[in-house]
Amino acid sequence: MTIDLTDTTTEAIDRALTEARRRLGGMTVGMVLTLILVTDEEGQYDAIRAANQAAREHPMRVLAVITRKPKADSRLDAEIRVGESSPGETVVLRMYGPLGQHADSVVAPLLVPDVPVVTWWPENAPAVPAAHPLGALAQRRVTDSAAAEDPEQVLAALARAYRPGDTDFGWTRATPWRSLLAATLDQEHPTLETGEVQAEQDNPTADLITAWLGLRLEIPVRRTVSAGPGITGVAFATSAGDIRVSRTDGRTATLSWPGRPDRMVALHRRETAELLAEELRRLDPDDVYAETLARLKPAGADLVEAGP
């Protein structure tokens, strides 16, 4: 069911949501959270689709906030979608004129009562997510530094502005790599001397993995540039030879260990919906992410071209 409201109010939107649920026989008690999605017209389709896919695992109310025409008269238009592509609800809020500067006052009355709130910026992360009016409404704030023109600078800014509850898809993308590397080094291995992370130039996930490895292993770990896609390899130098994980196709990795046959491991690059669903599984502060951010070196430090 889709309901379009033009030049409306939050009260009218809430009434329309209640009526839509009544017609479909649903109730808000099935919602486990509210997702505030801060986007624009260009990015709203992909972002809402990803949120609706994640809602199959986490039934939620999605409030997509789009600000338009800042010099126009204040106006609020809403598009309500209930019972379509997900078990949750989606409300697209288009705010015109000065109203867009007070989006939090529009969003707050539409939050599902007594459930956590997550704010997600698919692009254009604010300098201080926790201080942003829509970020201040949330227990969890999700950004994506990889979507920025200068991911390293954005990641450095996020590191300076970190508050408990912040996270970034650059860190979420690191989960499969961190799991594989932890499992690899969990078995008996020669003493590690140095480490290397190979990836495309503007890849914040590689920067975070480099910082994480240096923090956990307490060895020098350098970040080098490869042709991609994404992260193409992680290697550790030992007296017995290199322990190496190589992934050149973005799908399957090869684990090489001195004196052992190579082993293939599934390591595919994940879609946005998978990343969002992972972040919505945990709403408590990510202490490891905070420690890793604090370990980050200035943007561009020790970045060199990888050898053949």
Protein backbone atom coordinates (compact mmCIF):
# COMPACT_ATOMS: atom_id res chain seq x y z
CA MET A 1 0.00 0.00 0.00
CA THR A 2 1.31 3.46 -0.95
CA ILE A 3 -0.10 6.73 0.39
CA ASP A 4 1.03 10.12 -0.95
CA LEU A 5 0.56 13.21 1.19
CA THR A 6 1.36 16.70 -0.12
CA ASP A 7 1.94 19.76 2.05
CA THR A 8 1.24 17.68 5.12
CA THR A 9 2.07 17.46 8.83
CA THR A 10 3.56 14.83 11.11
CA GLU A 11 0.13 14.37 12.69
CA ALA A 12 -1.40 13.56 9.31
CA ILE A 13 1.45 11.16 8.53
CA ASP A 14 0.97 9.35 11.83
CA ARG A 15 -2.78 9.02 11.17
CA ALA A 16 -2.10 7.65 7.70
CA LEU A 17 0.34 5.09 9.11
CA THR A 18 -2.21 3.98 11.69
CA GLU A 19 -4.91 3.62 9.04
CA ALA A 20 -2.59 1.68 6.71
CA ARG A 21 -1.70 -0.74 9.51
CA ARG A 22 -5.37 -1.15 10.37
CA ARG A 23 -6.23 -2.04 6.79
CA LEU A 24 -3.40 -4.56 6.58
CA GLY A 25 -4.00 -5.99 10.05
CA GLY A 26 -0.51 -5.09 11.26
CA MET A 27 0.80 -3.48 14.43
CA THR A 28 3.88 -1.43 15.28
CA VAL A 29 4.78 -3.83 18.10
CA GLY A 30 6.52 -5.93 15.43
CA MET A 31 9.07 -3.16 14.81
CA VAL A 32 12.46 -3.72 16.42
CA LEU A 33 13.92 -0.30 15.57
CA THR A 34 13.57 2.95 13.65
CA LEU A 35 16.07 3.68 10.87
CA ILE A 36 16.54 7.33 9.95
CA LEU A 37 17.99 7.42 6.44
CA VAL A 38 19.53 10.76 5.43
CA THR A 39 19.80 10.88 1.66
CA ASP A 40 18.97 12.85 -1.51
CA GLU A 41 16.87 12.26 -4.61
CA GLU A 42 19.77 10.74 -6.52
CA GLY A 43 20.66 8.17 -3.87
CA GLN A 44 17.28 7.52 -2.28
CA TYR A 45 16.23 4.58 -4.48
CA ASP A 46 19.29 2.42 -3.76
CA ALA A 47 19.39 3.39 -0.08
CA ILE A 48 15.70 2.64 0.53
CA ARG A 49 15.99 -0.66 -1.36
CA ALA A 50 18.93 -1.68 0.85
CA ALA A 51 17.00 -0.67 3.98
CA ASN A 52 13.95 -2.68 2.88
CA GLN A 53 16.12 -5.74 2.26
CA ALA A 54 17.69 -5.37 5.72
CA ALA A 55 14.18 -5.03 7.18
CA ARG A 56 13.49 -8.67 6.27
CA GLU A 57 15.91 -9.53 9.07
CA HIS A 58 15.13 -6.49 11.26
CA PRO A 59 11.49 -5.33 10.87
CA MET A 60 11.66 -1.56 11.23
CA ARG A 61 10.22 1.80 10.34
CA VAL A 62 12.40 3.54 7.76
CA LEU A 63 12.23 7.33 7.77
CA ALA A 64 13.99 8.57 4.63
CA VAL A 65 14.82 12.26 4.98
CA ILE A 66 15.34 14.26 1.78
CA THR A 67 15.84 18.03 1.89
CA ARG A 68 15.08 19.99 -1.27
CA LYS A 69 15.04 23.58 -2.54
CA PRO A 70 16.35 25.38 0.56
CA LYS A 71 15.11 28.76 -0.75
CA ALA A 72 11.53 27.59 -1.31
CA ASP A 73 8.66 28.02 1.13
CA SER A 74 8.56 25.46 3.94
CA ARG A 75 6.61 22.36 2.96
CA LEU A 76 6.50 18.70 3.92
CA ASP A 77 5.55 15.97 1.45
CA ALA A 78 5.38 12.32 2.48
CA GLU A 79 5.23 9.01 0.65
CA ILE A 80 4.14 6.13 2.89
CA ARG A 81 4.77 2.53 1.89
CA VAL A 82 3.40 -0.27 4.05
CA GLY A 83 3.30 -3.99 3.32
CA GLU A 84 5.12 -3.79 -0.01
CA SER A 85 8.73 -4.97 -0.21
CA SER A 86 9.45 -5.62 3.48
CA PRO A 87 7.67 -6.45 6.76
CA GLY A 88 8.34 -2.93 7.99
CA GLU A 89 7.16 0.56 7.04
CA THR A 90 8.84 3.17 4.87
CA VAL A 91 8.09 6.88 5.02
CA VAL A 92 9.86 9.13 2.51
CA LEU A 93 9.90 12.67 3.91
CA ARG A 94 10.66 15.47 1.44
CA MET A 95 11.29 18.75 3.24
CA TYR A 96 11.36 22.03 1.34
CA GLY A 97 12.72 25.40 2.37
CA PRO A 98 13.79 26.24 5.95
CA LEU A 99 11.95 23.17 7.22
CA GLY A 100 14.89 21.06 6.03
CA GLN A 101 17.09 22.75 8.62
CA HIS A 102 14.87 21.36 11.38
CA ALA A 103 14.43 17.82 10.12
CA ASP A 104 14.78 16.43 13.64
CA SER A 105 11.56 18.19 14.72
CA VAL A 106 9.73 16.42 11.87
CA VAL A 107 11.30 13.02 12.45
CA ALA A 108 11.03 12.84 16.26
CA PRO A 109 7.21 12.45 16.42
CA LEU A 110 7.39 9.60 13.89
CA LEU A 111 9.84 7.41 15.81
CA VAL A 112 8.42 4.06 16.91
CA PRO A 113 8.03 4.28 20.71
CA ASP A 114 10.36 2.32 22.99
CA VAL A 115 12.66 0.87 20.30
CA PRO A 116 16.25 1.82 19.37
CA VAL A 117 16.96 4.44 16.73
CA VAL A 118 19.71 4.16 14.10
CA THR A 119 20.71 7.01 11.79
CA TRP A 120 22.40 6.14 8.49
CA TRP A 121 24.12 8.46 6.03
CA PRO A 122 24.75 6.46 2.81
CA GLU A 123 26.75 9.45 1.53
CA ASN A 124 27.91 12.84 2.79
CA ALA A 125 28.72 11.89 6.37
CA PRO A 126 28.56 14.86 8.77
CA ALA A 127 31.78 16.01 10.39
CA VAL A 128 30.50 14.96 13.82
CA PRO A 129 27.70 12.37 13.44
CA ALA A 130 26.75 12.46 17.14
CA ALA A 131 26.31 16.25 17.01
CA HIS A 132 24.12 16.19 13.90
CA PRO A 133 20.46 16.83 14.84
CA LEU A 134 19.37 13.51 13.32
CA GLY A 135 22.37 11.73 14.79
CA ALA A 136 21.51 13.02 18.24
CA LEU A 137 18.21 11.10 18.06
CA ALA A 138 20.00 7.77 17.60
CA GLN A 139 21.79 5.20 19.72
CA ARG A 140 23.75 4.09 16.66
CA ARG A 141 25.09 6.25 13.81
CA VAL A 142 26.28 4.67 10.55
CA THR A 143 28.37 6.41 7.89
CA ASP A 144 30.16 5.25 4.75
CA SER A 145 33.54 6.90 4.23
CA ALA A 146 34.04 4.95 0.98
CA ALA A 147 31.25 6.98 -0.64
CA ALA A 148 33.14 10.25 -0.14
CA GLU A 149 35.39 11.94 -2.69
CA ASP A 150 38.29 11.69 -0.24
CA PRO A 151 37.66 8.61 1.94
CA GLU A 152 40.89 8.93 3.91
CA GLN A 153 40.16 12.48 4.98
CA VAL A 154 36.60 11.56 5.96
CA LEU A 155 37.84 8.58 7.97
CA ALA A 156 40.38 10.80 9.72
CA ALA A 157 37.60 13.29 10.55
CA LEU A 158 35.41 10.48 11.89
CA ALA A 159 38.32 9.36 14.06
CA ARG A 160 38.65 12.82 15.59
CA ALA A 161 34.88 13.11 16.12
CA TYR A 162 34.22 9.58 17.39
CA ARG A 163 31.55 9.08 20.04
CA PRO A 164 30.31 5.73 21.39
CA GLY A 165 27.68 4.45 18.96
CA ASP A 166 29.45 5.66 15.80
CA THR A 167 30.40 3.16 13.11
CA ASP A 168 31.31 3.18 9.43
CA PHE A 169 30.73 0.75 6.58
CA GLY A 170 34.48 0.84 6.00
CA TRP A 171 34.74 -1.12 9.25
CA THR A 172 31.77 -3.35 8.47
CA ARG A 173 33.37 -4.39 5.17
CA ALA A 174 36.40 -5.53 7.17
CA THR A 175 34.44 -8.20 9.09
CA PRO A 176 35.07 -11.14 6.69
CA TRP A 177 38.75 -10.21 6.38
CA ARG A 178 39.17 -9.88 10.13
CA SER A 179 37.44 -13.22 10.71
CA LEU A 180 39.66 -14.99 8.17
CA LEU A 181 42.88 -13.41 9.45
CA ALA A 182 41.97 -14.18 13.07
CA ALA A 183 41.22 -17.82 12.19
CA THR A 184 44.48 -18.06 10.22
CA LEU A 185 46.63 -16.73 13.03
CA ASP A 186 44.70 -18.57 15.74
CA GLN A 187 46.61 -21.74 14.82
CA GLU A 188 50.26 -22.25 15.67
CA HIS A 189 52.44 -20.17 13.37
CA PRO A 190 56.02 -18.85 13.08
CA THR A 191 56.78 -15.54 14.74
CA LEU A 192 55.36 -12.67 12.70
CA GLU A 193 57.89 -10.00 11.79
CA THR A 194 56.00 -7.50 9.63
CA GLY A 195 52.64 -7.24 7.88
CA GLU A 196 51.34 -5.72 4.65
CA VAL A 197 47.83 -4.85 3.43
CA GLN A 198 47.37 -4.40 -0.33
CA ALA A 199 44.33 -2.54 -1.71
CA GLU A 200 43.13 0.18 -4.03
CA GLN A 201 44.30 3.69 -3.23
CA ASP A 202 41.07 5.07 -1.75
CA ASN A 203 39.99 2.15 0.39
CA PRO A 204 39.18 3.01 4.02
CA THR A 205 38.63 -0.66 4.88
CA ALA A 206 42.27 -1.37 4.09
CA ASP A 207 43.34 1.56 6.27
CA LEU A 208 41.26 0.20 9.15
CA ILE A 209 42.56 -3.36 8.75
CA THR A 210 46.12 -2.02 8.71
CA ALA A 211 45.51 -0.15 11.96
CA TRP A 212 43.71 -3.14 13.52
CA LEU A 213 46.51 -5.59 12.67
CA GLY A 214 49.15 -3.25 14.04
CA LEU A 215 47.13 -2.81 17.23
CA ARG A 216 46.46 -6.50 17.80
CA LEU A 217 49.72 -8.03 16.61
CA GLU A 218 52.06 -5.27 17.79
CA ILE A 219 54.19 -5.53 14.65
CA PRO A 220 54.86 -2.99 11.86
CA VAL A 221 52.10 -3.22 9.26
CA ARG A 222 52.32 -1.16 6.08
CA ARG A 223 49.58 -0.21 3.65
CA THR A 224 50.41 -0.59 -0.05
CA VAL A 225 48.51 0.22 -3.23
CA SER A 226 47.30 -2.41 -5.69
CA ALA A 227 45.03 -2.37 -8.73
CA GLY A 228 42.06 -3.80 -6.80
CA PRO A 229 39.24 -4.54 -6.72
CA GLY A 230 39.06 -3.58 -3.06
CA ILE A 231 41.53 -5.34 -0.81
CA THR A 232 43.65 -7.75 -2.84
CA GLY A 233 45.91 -9.25 -0.19
CA VAL A 234 47.28 -9.39 3.34
CA ALA A 235 50.71 -10.86 4.01
CA PHE A 236 52.88 -11.54 7.05
CA ALA A 237 56.63 -12.03 6.83
CA THR A 238 58.08 -14.81 9.02
CA SER A 239 61.43 -16.57 9.23
CA ALA A 240 59.83 -19.61 7.53
CA GLY A 241 58.36 -17.61 4.63
CA ASP A 242 55.31 -15.46 4.00
CA ILE A 243 51.82 -16.27 5.25
CA ARG A 244 49.58 -14.69 2.62
CA VAL A 245 45.90 -14.24 1.85
CA SER A 246 45.40 -13.13 -1.78
CA ARG A 247 42.13 -12.09 -3.41
CA THR A 248 42.37 -10.70 -6.93
CA ASP A 249 38.79 -11.18 -8.16
CA GLY A 250 36.78 -9.79 -5.23
CA ARG A 251 35.19 -13.19 -4.65
CA THR A 252 37.61 -15.95 -3.64
CA ALA A 253 40.80 -15.76 -1.59
CA THR A 254 43.82 -18.05 -1.64
CA LEU A 255 45.48 -18.81 1.71
CA SER A 256 49.18 -19.59 1.28
CA TRP A 257 51.20 -20.99 4.16
CA PRO A 258 54.89 -22.05 4.08
CA GLY A 259 55.15 -25.81 3.64
CA ARG A 260 51.41 -26.33 3.15
CA PRO A 261 49.22 -26.60 0.04
CA ASP A 262 47.26 -23.48 -0.89
CA ARG A 263 43.65 -23.34 0.27
CA MET A 264 40.72 -21.51 -1.36
CA VAL A 265 38.38 -19.49 0.85
CA ALA A 266 35.12 -17.71 -0.08
CA LEU A 267 35.60 -13.97 0.52
CA HIS A 268 33.13 -12.05 -1.61
CA ARG A 269 32.55 -8.31 -1.56
CA ARG A 270 29.19 -7.69 0.10
CA GLU A 271 26.23 -5.56 -0.97
CA THR A 272 25.00 -2.55 1.00
CA ALA A 273 21.98 -4.42 2.37
CA GLU A 274 24.25 -7.07 3.91
CA LEU A 275 26.43 -4.39 5.51
CA LEU A 276 23.41 -2.59 6.95
CA ALA A 277 21.88 -5.81 8.28
CA GLU A 278 25.14 -6.61 10.07
CA GLU A 279 25.28 -3.20 11.73
CA LEU A 280 21.67 -3.51 12.89
CA ARG A 281 22.46 -6.76 14.72
CA ARG A 282 24.41 -4.89 17.36
CA LEU A 283 23.38 -1.54 18.78
CA ASP A 284 25.94 -1.28 21.57
CA PRO A 285 29.16 0.74 21.11
CA ASP A 286 31.88 -1.03 19.11
CA ASP A 287 34.95 -0.72 21.31
CA VAL A 288 37.26 -2.44 18.82
CA TYR A 289 36.26 0.04 16.11
CA ALA A 290 36.98 2.91 18.51
CA GLU A 291 40.41 1.51 19.36
CA THR A 292 41.20 0.98 15.69
CA LEU A 293 40.16 4.53 14.75
CA ALA A 294 42.43 5.88 17.46
CA ARG A 295 45.28 3.86 15.94
CA LEU A 296 44.85 5.31 12.44
CA LYS A 297 47.80 7.17 10.99
CA PRO A 298 47.33 10.51 9.18
CA ALA A 299 45.84 10.12 5.72
CA GLY A 300 48.44 9.00 3.18
CA ALA A 301 51.13 8.05 5.69
CA ASP A 302 53.28 5.06 4.65
CA LEU A 303 51.19 4.55 1.49
CA VAL A 304 53.38 3.02 -1.20
CA GLU A 305 52.92 1.19 -4.47
CA ALA A 306 52.77 -2.58 -4.08
CA GLY A 307 55.39 -4.65 -5.83
CA PRO A 308 54.59 -7.08 -8.62
